[in-house]
């Protein structure tokens, strides 16, 4: 079939588009054809299915199923592949990677060929009871994820090796990725910035064993199908940090920027197998402050409503200082 309709020319003067993204978009159809031929695929249709912050998604429709070609113009996909394959190996809801190539030899980017996940993002659900039900299922999946050990903190390199670093260092890098300067200076004062620095050096946040984590969790990270009831299909689009303190995922998911039914259901699902341990109860308020702080900054930079996350960060700061 002809894939030329996937080629998208982006003029060099376009702001916010790197050369790698421009090249990938300009020849996306040509590269898709190469990948399809390499795996002897004969799709009846191909379409640009979506775009994330780091990836392009092409849906290939064969007579029996849909497949997703994930193109990473700049990302090496090492963290994504580790997260998704670990999730599949633990029978946790996730896409299934069929093929992958991180070498950039056949095409000038890393890519995966994976199963298609049906449904919609939980963030797109409107009915409160569906939102709460999906959040409850996501909380149960999240709690199971956080029982899976990871080889290290942060993310592996394309060869599968993990850096030797402590969790507080990885957490600081995660904060820099979620909310790069100068967003924090524009939103928060010296007292809040000082508390962030203090918490990142706090021994209370250190962990003995890193676990599998999502790294950018929220209602947009879960896909579901719904009718009379809701069914969680997959946890998708992990962040760059996929090994560390899984409790940070819960802290992000409980941010006040998200609807109350989601937050209620998420905590219910996460604790259905048992309450948080004493150590987790100590860490969670600290991690929730960091998550609210960084999410407020990121939403502010994207011109999204950030006031709820900002106000929650200030409230949590008051509670931490008082304690």
C-alpha atoms as a PDB file:
ATOM      1  CA  UNK A   1       0.000   0.000   0.000  1.00  0.00           C
ATOM      2  CA  UNK A   2       0.978   3.633  -0.347  1.00  0.00           C
ATOM      3  CA  UNK A   3       2.165   5.256   2.896  1.00  0.00           C
ATOM      4  CA  UNK A   4       2.911   8.690   1.481  1.00  0.00           C
ATOM      5  CA  UNK A   5      -0.093  10.265   3.236  1.00  0.00           C
ATOM      6  CA  UNK A   6       1.806   9.818   6.509  1.00  0.00           C
ATOM      7  CA  UNK A   7       4.562  12.201   5.388  1.00  0.00           C
ATOM      8  CA  UNK A   8       4.068  15.611   7.015  1.00  0.00           C
ATOM      9  CA  UNK A   9       6.246  18.512   5.981  1.00  0.00           C
ATOM     10  CA  UNK A  10       7.065  20.921   8.809  1.00  0.00           C
ATOM     11  CA  UNK A  11       8.744  24.158   7.677  1.00  0.00           C
ATOM     12  CA  UNK A  12      12.122  24.975   9.260  1.00  0.00           C
ATOM     13  CA  UNK A  13      10.713  28.181  10.732  1.00  0.00           C
ATOM     14  CA  UNK A  14       8.177  26.271  12.864  1.00  0.00           C
ATOM     15  CA  UNK A  15       8.858  26.970  16.536  1.00  0.00           C
ATOM     16  CA  UNK A  16       9.169  24.180  19.071  1.00  0.00           C
ATOM     17  CA  UNK A  17       9.978  21.482  16.491  1.00  0.00           C
ATOM     18  CA  UNK A  18      13.479  20.013  16.585  1.00  0.00           C
ATOM     19  CA  UNK A  19      15.323  18.791  13.513  1.00  0.00           C
ATOM     20  CA  UNK A  20      14.840  15.172  14.622  1.00  0.00           C
ATOM     21  CA  UNK A  21      11.064  15.621  14.857  1.00  0.00           C
ATOM     22  CA  UNK A  22      10.975  17.493  11.562  1.00  0.00           C
ATOM     23  CA  UNK A  23      12.853  14.695   9.764  1.00  0.00           C
ATOM     24  CA  UNK A  24      10.704  11.977  11.341  1.00  0.00           C
ATOM     25  CA  UNK A  25       7.470  13.722  10.338  1.00  0.00           C
ATOM     26  CA  UNK A  26       8.660  14.535   6.820  1.00  0.00           C
ATOM     27  CA  UNK A  27       9.411  10.876   6.023  1.00  0.00           C
ATOM     28  CA  UNK A  28       7.087   9.101   8.433  1.00  0.00           C
ATOM     29  CA  UNK A  29       5.364   7.238   5.586  1.00  0.00           C
ATOM     30  CA  UNK A  30       8.674   6.120   4.071  1.00  0.00           C
ATOM     31  CA  UNK A  31       9.947   4.862   7.421  1.00  0.00           C
ATOM     32  CA  UNK A  32       6.654   3.118   8.203  1.00  0.00           C
ATOM     33  CA  UNK A  33       6.888   1.284   4.889  1.00  0.00           C
ATOM     34  CA  UNK A  34      10.414   0.092   5.772  1.00  0.00           C
ATOM     35  CA  UNK A  35       9.277  -1.249   9.149  1.00  0.00           C
ATOM     36  CA  UNK A  36       6.191  -2.918   7.663  1.00  0.00           C
ATOM     37  CA  UNK A  37       8.282  -4.687   5.011  1.00  0.00           C
ATOM     38  CA  UNK A  38      10.896  -5.747   7.562  1.00  0.00           C
ATOM     39  CA  UNK A  39       8.272  -7.687   9.536  1.00  0.00           C
ATOM     40  CA  UNK A  40       6.297  -8.859   6.490  1.00  0.00           C
ATOM     41  CA  UNK A  41       3.239  -6.852   7.484  1.00  0.00           C
ATOM     42  CA  UNK A  42       0.507  -6.227   4.921  1.00  0.00           C
ATOM     43  CA  UNK A  43      -1.735  -3.602   6.493  1.00  0.00           C
ATOM     44  CA  UNK A  44      -4.907  -2.581   4.741  1.00  0.00           C
ATOM     45  CA  UNK A  45      -4.723   0.927   6.212  1.00  0.00           C
ATOM     46  CA  UNK A  46      -2.262   3.149   8.055  1.00  0.00           C
ATOM     47  CA  UNK A  47      -3.001   6.374   9.887  1.00  0.00           C
ATOM     48  CA  UNK A  48      -1.298   8.805  12.238  1.00  0.00           C
ATOM     49  CA  UNK A  49      -3.104   7.709  15.406  1.00  0.00           C
ATOM     50  CA  UNK A  50      -1.665  10.187  17.872  1.00  0.00           C
ATOM     51  CA  UNK A  51       1.290  12.106  19.223  1.00  0.00           C
ATOM     52  CA  UNK A  52       2.654  12.255  22.759  1.00  0.00           C
ATOM     53  CA  UNK A  53       5.334  14.535  24.140  1.00  0.00           C
ATOM     54  CA  UNK A  54       8.057  12.153  22.983  1.00  0.00           C
ATOM     55  CA  UNK A  55       6.504   9.740  20.485  1.00  0.00           C
ATOM     56  CA  UNK A  56       4.518   9.478  17.260  1.00  0.00           C
ATOM     57  CA  UNK A  57       1.930   6.700  17.041  1.00  0.00           C
ATOM     58  CA  UNK A  58       1.012   5.134  13.697  1.00  0.00           C
ATOM     59  CA  UNK A  59      -1.860   2.656  13.619  1.00  0.00           C
ATOM     60  CA  UNK A  60      -1.471  -0.198  11.132  1.00  0.00           C
ATOM     61  CA  UNK A  61      -4.704  -2.072  10.433  1.00  0.00           C
ATOM     62  CA  UNK A  62      -4.316  -5.673   9.276  1.00  0.00           C
ATOM     63  CA  UNK A  63      -7.270  -7.984   8.467  1.00  0.00           C
ATOM     64  CA  UNK A  64      -7.139  -9.454  11.967  1.00  0.00           C
ATOM     65  CA  UNK A  65      -6.028  -6.652  14.279  1.00  0.00           C
ATOM     66  CA  UNK A  66      -4.690  -3.146  14.782  1.00  0.00           C
ATOM     67  CA  UNK A  67      -1.012  -2.591  15.593  1.00  0.00           C
ATOM     68  CA  UNK A  68       0.748   0.528  16.834  1.00  0.00           C
ATOM     69  CA  UNK A  69       4.111   1.642  15.494  1.00  0.00           C
ATOM     70  CA  UNK A  70       5.657   3.877  18.151  1.00  0.00           C
ATOM     71  CA  UNK A  71       8.252   6.241  16.697  1.00  0.00           C
ATOM     72  CA  UNK A  72      10.657   8.057  19.029  1.00  0.00           C
ATOM     73  CA  UNK A  73      12.459  10.864  17.150  1.00  0.00           C
ATOM     74  CA  UNK A  74      14.651  11.713  20.180  1.00  0.00           C
ATOM     75  CA  UNK A  75      13.815   9.300  23.015  1.00  0.00           C
ATOM     76  CA  UNK A  76      15.834   6.063  23.107  1.00  0.00           C
ATOM     77  CA  UNK A  77      12.739   4.119  24.325  1.00  0.00           C
ATOM     78  CA  UNK A  78      14.797   2.172  26.891  1.00  0.00           C
ATOM     79  CA  UNK A  79      12.604   3.224  29.812  1.00  0.00           C
ATOM     80  CA  UNK A  80       9.425   2.629  27.820  1.00  0.00           C
ATOM     81  CA  UNK A  81      10.476  -0.877  26.768  1.00  0.00           C
ATOM     82  CA  UNK A  82      11.541  -1.841  30.305  1.00  0.00           C
ATOM     83  CA  UNK A  83       8.273  -0.601  31.798  1.00  0.00           C
ATOM     84  CA  UNK A  84       5.995  -2.175  29.195  1.00  0.00           C
ATOM     85  CA  UNK A  85       7.745  -5.539  29.067  1.00  0.00           C
ATOM     86  CA  UNK A  86       7.869  -5.759  32.871  1.00  0.00           C
ATOM     87  CA  UNK A  87       4.176  -4.935  33.073  1.00  0.00           C
ATOM     88  CA  UNK A  88       3.347  -7.622  30.492  1.00  0.00           C
ATOM     89  CA  UNK A  89       5.540 -10.152  32.272  1.00  0.00           C
ATOM     90  CA  UNK A  90       3.646  -9.551  35.508  1.00  0.00           C
ATOM     91  CA  UNK A  91       0.237  -9.831  33.783  1.00  0.00           C
ATOM     92  CA  UNK A  92      -0.447  -6.190  34.551  1.00  0.00           C
ATOM     93  CA  UNK A  93      -2.605  -4.150  32.146  1.00  0.00           C
ATOM     94  CA  UNK A  94      -0.352  -2.753  29.439  1.00  0.00           C
ATOM     95  CA  UNK A  95       0.309  -2.886  25.700  1.00  0.00           C
ATOM     96  CA  UNK A  96       2.243  -5.907  24.429  1.00  0.00           C
ATOM     97  CA  UNK A  97       5.488  -5.185  22.590  1.00  0.00           C
ATOM     98  CA  UNK A  98       5.736  -7.399  19.509  1.00  0.00           C
ATOM     99  CA  UNK A  99       8.977  -6.063  18.023  1.00  0.00           C
ATOM    100  CA  UNK A 100      11.410  -3.358  18.994  1.00  0.00           C
ATOM    101  CA  UNK A 101      14.592  -1.810  17.611  1.00  0.00           C
ATOM    102  CA  UNK A 102      16.520   0.719  19.677  1.00  0.00           C
ATOM    103  CA  UNK A 103      19.645   0.587  17.496  1.00  0.00           C
ATOM    104  CA  UNK A 104      18.608   3.281  14.966  1.00  0.00           C
ATOM    105  CA  UNK A 105      20.174   1.243  12.152  1.00  0.00           C
ATOM    106  CA  UNK A 106      17.314   0.522   9.749  1.00  0.00           C
ATOM    107  CA  UNK A 107      15.592   3.860  10.433  1.00  0.00           C
ATOM    108  CA  UNK A 108      17.060   6.913  12.195  1.00  0.00           C
ATOM    109  CA  UNK A 109      15.055   6.492  15.407  1.00  0.00           C
ATOM    110  CA  UNK A 110      14.129   3.909  18.003  1.00  0.00           C
ATOM    111  CA  UNK A 111      10.738   2.271  17.547  1.00  0.00           C
ATOM    112  CA  UNK A 112       8.435  -0.421  18.869  1.00  0.00           C
ATOM    113  CA  UNK A 113       5.677  -2.396  17.218  1.00  0.00           C
ATOM    114  CA  UNK A 114       3.016  -3.155  19.804  1.00  0.00           C
ATOM    115  CA  UNK A 115      -0.562  -4.258  20.350  1.00  0.00           C
ATOM    116  CA  UNK A 116      -3.335  -1.711  20.034  1.00  0.00           C
ATOM    117  CA  UNK A 117      -5.031  -0.624  23.280  1.00  0.00           C
ATOM    118  CA  UNK A 118      -8.742   0.142  22.785  1.00  0.00           C
ATOM    119  CA  UNK A 119     -10.837   2.609  24.721  1.00  0.00           C
ATOM    120  CA  UNK A 120     -10.286   6.157  25.898  1.00  0.00           C
ATOM    121  CA  UNK A 121      -8.155   7.892  28.466  1.00  0.00           C
ATOM    122  CA  UNK A 122      -9.668   7.875  31.931  1.00  0.00           C
ATOM    123  CA  UNK A 123      -9.118  11.656  31.881  1.00  0.00           C
ATOM    124  CA  UNK A 124     -11.776  11.838  29.150  1.00  0.00           C
ATOM    125  CA  UNK A 125     -14.510  10.163  31.223  1.00  0.00           C
ATOM    126  CA  UNK A 126     -17.243  12.554  32.307  1.00  0.00           C
ATOM    127  CA  UNK A 127     -19.496  10.451  34.545  1.00  0.00           C
ATOM    128  CA  UNK A 128     -18.253  10.548  38.166  1.00  0.00           C
ATOM    129  CA  UNK A 129     -19.164   6.896  38.859  1.00  0.00           C
ATOM    130  CA  UNK A 130     -17.202   5.721  35.804  1.00  0.00           C
ATOM    131  CA  UNK A 131     -14.271   7.928  36.725  1.00  0.00           C
ATOM    132  CA  UNK A 132     -14.241   6.548  40.258  1.00  0.00           C
ATOM    133  CA  UNK A 133     -14.524   2.959  39.044  1.00  0.00           C
ATOM    134  CA  UNK A 134     -11.670   3.387  36.584  1.00  0.00           C
ATOM    135  CA  UNK A 135      -9.553   5.039  39.279  1.00  0.00           C
ATOM    136  CA  UNK A 136     -10.240   2.166  41.666  1.00  0.00           C
ATOM    137  CA  UNK A 137      -9.028  -0.339  39.065  1.00  0.00           C
ATOM    138  CA  UNK A 138      -5.979   1.836  38.329  1.00  0.00           C
ATOM    139  CA  UNK A 139      -5.190   1.988  42.045  1.00  0.00           C
ATOM    140  CA  UNK A 140      -5.244  -1.799  42.311  1.00  0.00           C
ATOM    141  CA  UNK A 141      -2.943  -2.102  39.279  1.00  0.00           C
ATOM    142  CA  UNK A 142      -0.640   0.562  40.692  1.00  0.00           C
ATOM    143  CA  UNK A 143      -0.359  -1.237  44.021  1.00  0.00           C
ATOM    144  CA  UNK A 144       0.578  -4.480  42.233  1.00  0.00           C
ATOM    145  CA  UNK A 145       3.151  -2.603  40.141  1.00  0.00           C
ATOM    146  CA  UNK A 146       4.831  -1.298  43.245  1.00  0.00           C
ATOM    147  CA  UNK A 147       5.442  -4.824  44.523  1.00  0.00           C
ATOM    148  CA  UNK A 148       7.693  -5.515  41.502  1.00  0.00           C
ATOM    149  CA  UNK A 149      11.389  -4.834  42.181  1.00  0.00           C
ATOM    150  CA  UNK A 150      13.433  -2.758  39.742  1.00  0.00           C
ATOM    151  CA  UNK A 151      17.186  -3.229  39.105  1.00  0.00           C
ATOM    152  CA  UNK A 152      17.911   0.403  39.927  1.00  0.00           C
ATOM    153  CA  UNK A 153      16.509   3.910  40.120  1.00  0.00           C
ATOM    154  CA  UNK A 154      15.814   6.185  37.193  1.00  0.00           C
ATOM    155  CA  UNK A 155      15.877   4.401  33.849  1.00  0.00           C
ATOM    156  CA  UNK A 156      18.133   1.955  31.985  1.00  0.00           C
ATOM    157  CA  UNK A 157      20.219   2.813  28.946  1.00  0.00           C
ATOM    158  CA  UNK A 158      19.493   1.138  25.576  1.00  0.00           C
ATOM    159  CA  UNK A 159      21.839  -1.714  26.524  1.00  0.00           C
ATOM    160  CA  UNK A 160      19.736  -2.422  29.607  1.00  0.00           C
ATOM    161  CA  UNK A 161      22.274  -1.165  32.163  1.00  0.00           C
ATOM    162  CA  UNK A 162      21.090   0.939  35.079  1.00  0.00           C
ATOM    163  CA  UNK A 163      23.021   3.897  36.516  1.00  0.00           C
ATOM    164  CA  UNK A 164      24.275   3.576  40.065  1.00  0.00           C
ATOM    165  CA  UNK A 165      22.590   6.491  41.779  1.00  0.00           C
ATOM    166  CA  UNK A 166      20.540   7.113  44.884  1.00  0.00           C
ATOM    167  CA  UNK A 167      16.808   7.727  44.806  1.00  0.00           C
ATOM    168  CA  UNK A 168      17.019  11.338  45.984  1.00  0.00           C
ATOM    169  CA  UNK A 169      19.273  12.117  42.995  1.00  0.00           C
ATOM    170  CA  UNK A 170      16.830  10.461  40.587  1.00  0.00           C
ATOM    171  CA  UNK A 171      13.942  12.294  42.280  1.00  0.00           C
ATOM    172  CA  UNK A 172      15.682  15.624  41.749  1.00  0.00           C
ATOM    173  CA  UNK A 173      16.202  14.793  38.055  1.00  0.00           C
ATOM    174  CA  UNK A 174      12.563  13.752  37.814  1.00  0.00           C
ATOM    175  CA  UNK A 175      11.520  17.124  39.208  1.00  0.00           C
ATOM    176  CA  UNK A 176      13.735  18.910  36.690  1.00  0.00           C
ATOM    177  CA  UNK A 177      12.042  16.994  33.865  1.00  0.00           C
ATOM    178  CA  UNK A 178       8.510  17.560  35.126  1.00  0.00           C
ATOM    179  CA  UNK A 179       9.026  21.254  35.850  1.00  0.00           C
ATOM    180  CA  UNK A 180      12.240  22.697  34.424  1.00  0.00           C
ATOM    181  CA  UNK A 181      13.288  26.171  35.587  1.00  0.00           C
ATOM    182  CA  UNK A 182      12.199  28.932  35.708  1.00  0.00           C
ATOM    183  CA  UNK A 183       8.583  27.800  36.277  1.00  0.00           C
ATOM    184  CA  UNK A 184       9.077  27.311  40.019  1.00  0.00           C
ATOM    185  CA  UNK A 185      10.468  30.826  40.442  1.00  0.00           C
ATOM    186  CA  UNK A 186       7.423  32.254  38.685  1.00  0.00           C
ATOM    187  CA  UNK A 187       4.923  30.355  40.843  1.00  0.00           C
ATOM    188  CA  UNK A 188       6.516  29.855  44.251  1.00  0.00           C
ATOM    189  CA  UNK A 189       8.535  31.888  46.712  1.00  0.00           C
ATOM    190  CA  UNK A 190      11.813  31.228  48.450  1.00  0.00           C
ATOM    191  CA  UNK A 191      10.152  29.365  51.327  1.00  0.00           C
ATOM    192  CA  UNK A 192       8.547  26.786  49.015  1.00  0.00           C
ATOM    193  CA  UNK A 193      11.735  26.399  46.957  1.00  0.00           C
ATOM    194  CA  UNK A 194      13.730  25.922  50.148  1.00  0.00           C
ATOM    195  CA  UNK A 195      11.359  23.194  51.325  1.00  0.00           C
ATOM    196  CA  UNK A 196      11.771  21.344  48.029  1.00  0.00           C
ATOM    197  CA  UNK A 197      15.562  21.401  48.431  1.00  0.00           C
ATOM    198  CA  UNK A 198      15.231  20.265  52.027  1.00  0.00           C
ATOM    199  CA  UNK A 199      12.953  17.356  51.157  1.00  0.00           C
ATOM    200  CA  UNK A 200      15.199  16.179  48.339  1.00  0.00           C
ATOM    201  CA  UNK A 201      17.966  15.803  50.940  1.00  0.00           C
ATOM    202  CA  UNK A 202      15.680  14.279  53.576  1.00  0.00           C
ATOM    203  CA  UNK A 203      16.750  10.749  54.644  1.00  0.00           C
ATOM    204  CA  UNK A 204      13.057  10.005  55.215  1.00  0.00           C
ATOM    205  CA  UNK A 205      12.587   9.747  51.437  1.00  0.00           C
ATOM    206  CA  UNK A 206      15.382   7.221  50.920  1.00  0.00           C
ATOM    207  CA  UNK A 207      14.323   3.691  49.942  1.00  0.00           C
ATOM    208  CA  UNK A 208      16.049   0.346  50.418  1.00  0.00           C
ATOM    209  CA  UNK A 209      14.718  -1.364  47.287  1.00  0.00           C
ATOM    210  CA  UNK A 210      13.549   0.451  44.137  1.00  0.00           C
ATOM    211  CA  UNK A 211      10.359  -0.783  42.514  1.00  0.00           C
ATOM    212  CA  UNK A 212       8.690  -0.506  39.140  1.00  0.00           C
ATOM    213  CA  UNK A 213       7.005   2.873  38.806  1.00  0.00           C
ATOM    214  CA  UNK A 214       5.206   4.852  36.122  1.00  0.00           C
ATOM    215  CA  UNK A 215       6.928   8.175  36.683  1.00  0.00           C
ATOM    216  CA  UNK A 216       4.171  10.424  35.272  1.00  0.00           C
ATOM    217  CA  UNK A 217       0.958   9.001  36.658  1.00  0.00           C
ATOM    218  CA  UNK A 218      -2.494  10.553  36.429  1.00  0.00           C
ATOM    219  CA  UNK A 219      -5.872   9.934  34.759  1.00  0.00           C
ATOM    220  CA  UNK A 220      -4.298  10.498  31.329  1.00  0.00           C
ATOM    221  CA  UNK A 221      -1.971   7.526  31.950  1.00  0.00           C
ATOM    222  CA  UNK A 222      -4.798   4.966  32.093  1.00  0.00           C
ATOM    223  CA  UNK A 223      -6.995   3.749  29.229  1.00  0.00           C
ATOM    224  CA  UNK A 224     -10.338   2.082  29.715  1.00  0.00           C
ATOM    225  CA  UNK A 225     -13.458   0.903  27.939  1.00  0.00           C
ATOM    226  CA  UNK A 226     -16.819   1.702  29.440  1.00  0.00           C
ATOM    227  CA  UNK A 227     -20.493   0.826  29.104  1.00  0.00           C
ATOM    228  CA  UNK A 228     -22.616   0.088  32.124  1.00  0.00           C
ATOM    229  CA  UNK A 229     -19.326  -0.614  33.874  1.00  0.00           C
ATOM    230  CA  UNK A 230     -15.760   0.459  33.265  1.00  0.00           C
ATOM    231  CA  UNK A 231     -12.815  -1.815  32.470  1.00  0.00           C
ATOM    232  CA  UNK A 232      -9.171  -0.771  32.791  1.00  0.00           C
ATOM    233  CA  UNK A 233      -7.392  -1.746  29.577  1.00  0.00           C
ATOM    234  CA  UNK A 234      -3.844  -0.541  30.222  1.00  0.00           C
ATOM    235  CA  UNK A 235      -1.494   1.773  32.063  1.00  0.00           C
ATOM    236  CA  UNK A 236       0.233   3.669  29.265  1.00  0.00           C
ATOM    237  CA  UNK A 237       2.826   6.349  28.478  1.00  0.00           C
ATOM    238  CA  UNK A 238       5.301   5.956  31.360  1.00  0.00           C
ATOM    239  CA  UNK A 239       7.640   8.813  32.172  1.00  0.00           C
ATOM    240  CA  UNK A 240      11.404   8.747  31.946  1.00  0.00           C
ATOM    241  CA  UNK A 241      11.825   7.484  35.523  1.00  0.00           C
ATOM    242  CA  UNK A 242      10.564   3.890  35.761  1.00  0.00           C
ATOM    243  CA  UNK A 243      12.501   2.644  38.797  1.00  0.00           C
ATOM    244  CA  UNK A 244      12.365   4.173  42.272  1.00  0.00           C
ATOM    245  CA  UNK A 245       9.792   4.811  44.984  1.00  0.00           C
ATOM    246  CA  UNK A 246       6.449   3.695  43.568  1.00  0.00           C
ATOM    247  CA  UNK A 247       4.676   5.772  46.207  1.00  0.00           C
ATOM    248  CA  UNK A 248       5.521   8.821  44.090  1.00  0.00           C
ATOM    249  CA  UNK A 249       3.028   7.540  41.478  1.00  0.00           C
ATOM    250  CA  UNK A 250       0.288   7.562  44.109  1.00  0.00           C
ATOM    251  CA  UNK A 251       1.333  11.051  45.206  1.00  0.00           C
ATOM    252  CA  UNK A 252       1.037  12.309  41.615  1.00  0.00           C
ATOM    253  CA  UNK A 253      -2.316  10.605  41.092  1.00  0.00           C
ATOM    254  CA  UNK A 254      -3.745  12.202  44.242  1.00  0.00           C
ATOM    255  CA  UNK A 255      -2.924  15.738  43.098  1.00  0.00           C
ATOM    256  CA  UNK A 256      -5.769  18.233  43.522  1.00  0.00           C
ATOM    257  CA  UNK A 257      -5.469  19.107  39.816  1.00  0.00           C
ATOM    258  CA  UNK A 258      -7.500  15.948  39.124  1.00  0.00           C
ATOM    259  CA  UNK A 259     -11.234  15.405  39.818  1.00  0.00           C
ATOM    260  CA  UNK A 260     -12.303  14.295  43.290  1.00  0.00           C
ATOM    261  CA  UNK A 261     -13.937  11.016  42.087  1.00  0.00           C
ATOM    262  CA  UNK A 262     -10.611  10.011  40.516  1.00  0.00           C
ATOM    263  CA  UNK A 263      -8.659  10.744  43.699  1.00  0.00           C
ATOM    264  CA  UNK A 264     -11.164   8.952  45.929  1.00  0.00           C
ATOM    265  CA  UNK A 265     -11.245   5.860  43.730  1.00  0.00           C
ATOM    266  CA  UNK A 266      -7.470   5.769  43.303  1.00  0.00           C
ATOM    267  CA  UNK A 267      -6.811   5.717  47.047  1.00  0.00           C
ATOM    268  CA  UNK A 268      -9.560   3.137  47.591  1.00  0.00           C
ATOM    269  CA  UNK A 269      -8.081   0.841  44.965  1.00  0.00           C
ATOM    270  CA  UNK A 270      -4.517   1.289  46.166  1.00  0.00           C
ATOM    271  CA  UNK A 271      -5.367   0.399  49.769  1.00  0.00           C
ATOM    272  CA  UNK A 272      -7.937  -2.336  49.084  1.00  0.00           C
ATOM    273  CA  UNK A 273      -5.346  -5.052  49.805  1.00  0.00           C
ATOM    274  CA  UNK A 274      -4.265  -3.351  53.035  1.00  0.00           C
ATOM    275  CA  UNK A 275      -3.516   0.062  54.518  1.00  0.00           C
ATOM    276  CA  UNK A 276      -0.301   1.951  53.879  1.00  0.00           C
ATOM    277  CA  UNK A 277       2.591   0.993  56.137  1.00  0.00           C
ATOM    278  CA  UNK A 278       3.846   3.399  58.782  1.00  0.00           C
ATOM    279  CA  UNK A 279       6.863   4.264  56.591  1.00  0.00           C
ATOM    280  CA  UNK A 280       4.600   4.942  53.599  1.00  0.00           C
ATOM    281  CA  UNK A 281       2.349   7.154  55.699  1.00  0.00           C
ATOM    282  CA  UNK A 282       5.449   9.161  56.669  1.00  0.00           C
ATOM    283  CA  UNK A 283       6.681   9.537  53.085  1.00  0.00           C
ATOM    284  CA  UNK A 284       3.381  10.163  51.309  1.00  0.00           C
ATOM    285  CA  UNK A 285       2.743  13.778  52.521  1.00  0.00           C
ATOM    286  CA  UNK A 286       6.295  14.731  51.540  1.00  0.00           C
ATOM    287  CA  UNK A 287       5.951  13.160  48.115  1.00  0.00           C
ATOM    288  CA  UNK A 288       2.510  14.725  47.656  1.00  0.00           C
ATOM    289  CA  UNK A 289       3.983  18.167  48.281  1.00  0.00           C
ATOM    290  CA  UNK A 290       6.732  17.568  45.714  1.00  0.00           C
ATOM    291  CA  UNK A 291       4.213  16.195  43.205  1.00  0.00           C
ATOM    292  CA  UNK A 292       1.808  19.122  43.665  1.00  0.00           C
ATOM    293  CA  UNK A 293       4.702  21.601  43.406  1.00  0.00           C
ATOM    294  CA  UNK A 294       6.017  20.106  40.157  1.00  0.00           C
ATOM    295  CA  UNK A 295       2.595  19.462  38.601  1.00  0.00           C
ATOM    296  CA  UNK A 296       1.561  23.069  39.306  1.00  0.00           C
ATOM    297  CA  UNK A 297       4.722  24.290  37.559  1.00  0.00           C
ATOM    298  CA  UNK A 298       4.239  22.022  34.557  1.00  0.00           C
ATOM    299  CA  UNK A 299       0.584  22.948  34.131  1.00  0.00           C
ATOM    300  CA  UNK A 300       1.468  26.635  34.428  1.00  0.00           C
ATOM    301  CA  UNK A 301       4.094  26.286  31.685  1.00  0.00           C
ATOM    302  CA  UNK A 302       1.510  24.615  29.430  1.00  0.00           C
ATOM    303  CA  UNK A 303      -1.139  27.274  30.082  1.00  0.00           C
ATOM    304  CA  UNK A 304      -3.335  24.667  31.803  1.00  0.00           C
ATOM    305  CA  UNK A 305      -5.314  25.287  35.012  1.00  0.00           C
ATOM    306  CA  UNK A 306      -2.736  25.104  37.774  1.00  0.00           C
ATOM    307  CA  UNK A 307      -4.379  26.859  40.715  1.00  0.00           C
ATOM    308  CA  UNK A 308      -5.652  23.703  42.440  1.00  0.00           C
ATOM    309  CA  UNK A 309      -2.208  22.081  42.412  1.00  0.00           C
ATOM    310  CA  UNK A 310      -0.591  25.350  43.516  1.00  0.00           C
ATOM    311  CA  UNK A 311      -2.981  25.779  46.439  1.00  0.00           C
ATOM    312  CA  UNK A 312      -2.528  22.151  47.464  1.00  0.00           C
ATOM    313  CA  UNK A 313       1.258  22.571  47.501  1.00  0.00           C
ATOM    314  CA  UNK A 314       0.890  25.543  49.843  1.00  0.00           C
ATOM    315  CA  UNK A 315      -1.523  23.614  52.093  1.00  0.00           C
ATOM    316  CA  UNK A 316       0.768  20.592  52.271  1.00  0.00           C
ATOM    317  CA  UNK A 317       3.717  22.851  52.989  1.00  0.00           C
ATOM    318  CA  UNK A 318       1.855  24.313  55.967  1.00  0.00           C
ATOM    319  CA  UNK A 319       1.116  20.835  57.304  1.00  0.00           C
ATOM    320  CA  UNK A 320       4.722  19.688  56.870  1.00  0.00           C
ATOM    321  CA  UNK A 321       6.125  22.785  58.562  1.00  0.00           C
ATOM    322  CA  UNK A 322       3.651  22.459  61.426  1.00  0.00           C
ATOM    323  CA  UNK A 323       4.588  18.798  61.881  1.00  0.00           C
END
